[in-house]
Amino acid sequence: MSFTGWGMQLYNITFGQYALILAAMILALSVGTACFAFILARFSANVVMMMIKAVPVGVALAGITVLSVNMALSYNNIVFSKLFLGRFDMPEVIVCGFVAIIGMITAIVVTIRERYVDVA
């Protein structure tokens, strides 16, 4: 892959695979963000309190998004070069999947807990 003479050679993937991986990363981050918003909405007394809680969560998720999606699948990415030191293949995808999995697990736990609270 190349853009204006600057090459990016790290993984042997086509541009179509690269675009699909980026789309999956963004989708995973969106699912994780939606789950965290669900949790914030559940544990907030009103909309104003939810918005106050949403600011730090949103800033943290935006930081994760910028670090993982910017220069994704490249050796110049901060997640690849500084955080994991090149030990894992595609750590950006792992980080995005981790956000989605943690968000879904916590949302499922809150939903199951609420179901038992409402029944009793």
Protein backbone atom coordinates (compact mmCIF):
# COMPACT_ATOMS: atom_id res chain seq x y z
CA MET A 1 0.00 0.00 0.00
CA SER A 2 1.30 3.42 -0.80
CA PHE A 3 0.10 6.98 -0.59
CA THR A 4 2.14 9.75 -2.23
CA GLY A 5 5.35 7.76 -2.18
CA TRP A 6 5.28 6.78 1.48
CA GLY A 7 5.02 3.02 1.64
CA MET A 8 3.41 1.04 4.40
CA GLN A 9 4.68 -2.53 4.51
CA LEU A 10 3.87 -4.46 7.65
CA TYR A 11 1.24 -7.07 6.83
CA ASN A 12 0.65 -8.79 3.52
CA ILE A 13 -2.96 -7.64 2.98
CA THR A 14 -4.78 -6.07 0.08
CA PHE A 15 -6.40 -2.66 0.21
CA GLY A 16 -9.85 -4.29 0.36
CA GLN A 17 -8.84 -6.33 3.40
CA TYR A 18 -7.36 -3.20 4.96
CA ALA A 19 -10.64 -1.32 4.45
CA LEU A 20 -12.67 -4.19 5.92
CA ILE A 21 -10.39 -4.39 8.96
CA LEU A 22 -10.71 -0.64 9.52
CA ALA A 23 -14.50 -0.90 9.21
CA ALA A 24 -14.56 -3.77 11.72
CA MET A 25 -12.38 -1.77 14.12
CA ILE A 26 -14.70 1.24 13.93
CA LEU A 27 -17.75 -1.00 14.33
CA ALA A 28 -16.24 -2.66 17.42
CA LEU A 29 -15.46 0.74 18.96
CA SER A 30 -19.01 1.91 18.19
CA VAL A 31 -20.54 -1.15 19.86
CA GLY A 32 -18.33 -0.65 22.91
CA THR A 33 -19.26 3.03 23.10
CA ALA A 34 -22.96 2.23 22.86
CA CYS A 35 -22.66 -0.33 25.67
CA PHE A 36 -20.84 2.16 27.89
CA ALA A 37 -23.53 4.77 27.14
CA PHE A 38 -26.18 2.22 28.14
CA ILE A 39 -24.40 1.61 31.44
CA LEU A 40 -24.06 5.35 32.09
CA ALA A 41 -27.75 5.87 31.34
CA ARG A 42 -28.73 3.12 33.75
CA PHE A 43 -26.69 4.46 36.67
CA SER A 44 -27.58 8.14 36.21
CA ALA A 45 -30.47 9.83 37.98
CA ASN A 46 -31.23 12.20 35.09
CA VAL A 47 -29.94 13.31 31.72
CA VAL A 48 -27.70 16.04 33.13
CA MET A 49 -25.90 13.61 35.42
CA MET A 50 -25.48 11.19 32.53
CA MET A 51 -23.91 13.92 30.38
CA ILE A 52 -21.53 14.87 33.19
CA LYS A 53 -20.44 11.23 33.45
CA ALA A 54 -20.29 10.83 29.68
CA VAL A 55 -17.61 13.49 29.18
CA PRO A 56 -14.68 11.59 30.77
CA VAL A 57 -15.84 8.28 29.28
CA GLY A 58 -16.13 9.91 25.87
CA VAL A 59 -12.69 11.49 26.13
CA ALA A 60 -11.16 8.13 27.11
CA LEU A 61 -12.87 6.30 24.26
CA ALA A 62 -11.91 9.05 21.80
CA GLY A 63 -8.30 8.70 22.93
CA ILE A 64 -8.42 4.95 22.41
CA THR A 65 -9.97 5.50 18.98
CA VAL A 66 -7.33 8.00 17.89
CA LEU A 67 -4.47 5.81 19.11
CA SER A 68 -5.79 2.65 17.47
CA VAL A 69 -7.34 3.86 14.20
CA ASN A 70 -4.81 6.55 13.28
CA MET A 71 -2.10 4.90 11.16
CA ALA A 72 -3.75 1.53 11.80
CA LEU A 73 -1.86 -1.61 10.81
CA SER A 74 1.37 0.31 10.38
CA TYR A 75 4.66 0.20 12.22
CA ASN A 76 4.32 3.97 12.90
CA ASN A 77 1.25 3.46 15.09
CA ILE A 78 1.75 4.26 18.78
CA VAL A 79 -0.13 1.14 19.91
CA PHE A 80 2.12 -1.10 17.79
CA SER A 81 5.47 0.56 18.37
CA LYS A 82 5.33 2.05 21.88
CA LEU A 83 2.66 0.20 23.84
CA PHE A 84 3.12 -3.42 22.71
CA LEU A 85 6.64 -2.94 21.26
CA GLY A 86 5.78 -5.00 18.18
CA ARG A 87 5.23 -8.22 20.13
CA PHE A 88 1.74 -8.94 18.76
CA ASP A 89 0.32 -8.93 15.26
CA MET A 90 -2.37 -6.29 14.74
CA PRO A 91 -2.61 -4.98 18.33
CA GLU A 92 -4.91 -2.18 17.15
CA VAL A 93 -7.57 -4.74 16.25
CA ILE A 94 -7.08 -6.44 19.63
CA VAL A 95 -7.57 -3.12 21.48
CA CYS A 96 -10.76 -2.35 19.54
CA GLY A 97 -12.09 -5.85 20.17
CA PHE A 98 -11.23 -5.54 23.85
CA VAL A 99 -13.27 -2.32 24.14
CA ALA A 100 -16.25 -4.00 22.46
CA ILE A 101 -16.03 -7.17 24.56
CA ILE A 102 -15.68 -5.31 27.87
CA GLY A 103 -18.59 -3.03 26.95
CA MET A 104 -20.83 -5.95 25.97
CA ILE A 105 -19.96 -8.02 29.05
CA THR A 106 -20.68 -5.16 31.43
CA ALA A 107 -23.94 -4.30 29.63
CA ILE A 108 -25.05 -7.94 29.81
CA VAL A 109 -24.18 -8.12 33.52
CA VAL A 110 -26.15 -4.93 34.21
CA THR A 111 -29.10 -6.23 32.17
CA ILE A 112 -29.16 -9.59 33.98
CA ARG A 113 -28.85 -7.85 37.35
CA GLU A 114 -31.70 -5.50 36.52
CA ARG A 115 -33.91 -8.35 35.40
CA TYR A 116 -33.52 -10.09 38.75
CA VAL A 117 -34.07 -6.82 40.66
CA ASP A 118 -37.32 -6.14 38.78
CA VAL A 119 -38.63 -9.66 39.33
CA ALA A 120 -38.06 -9.67 43.09
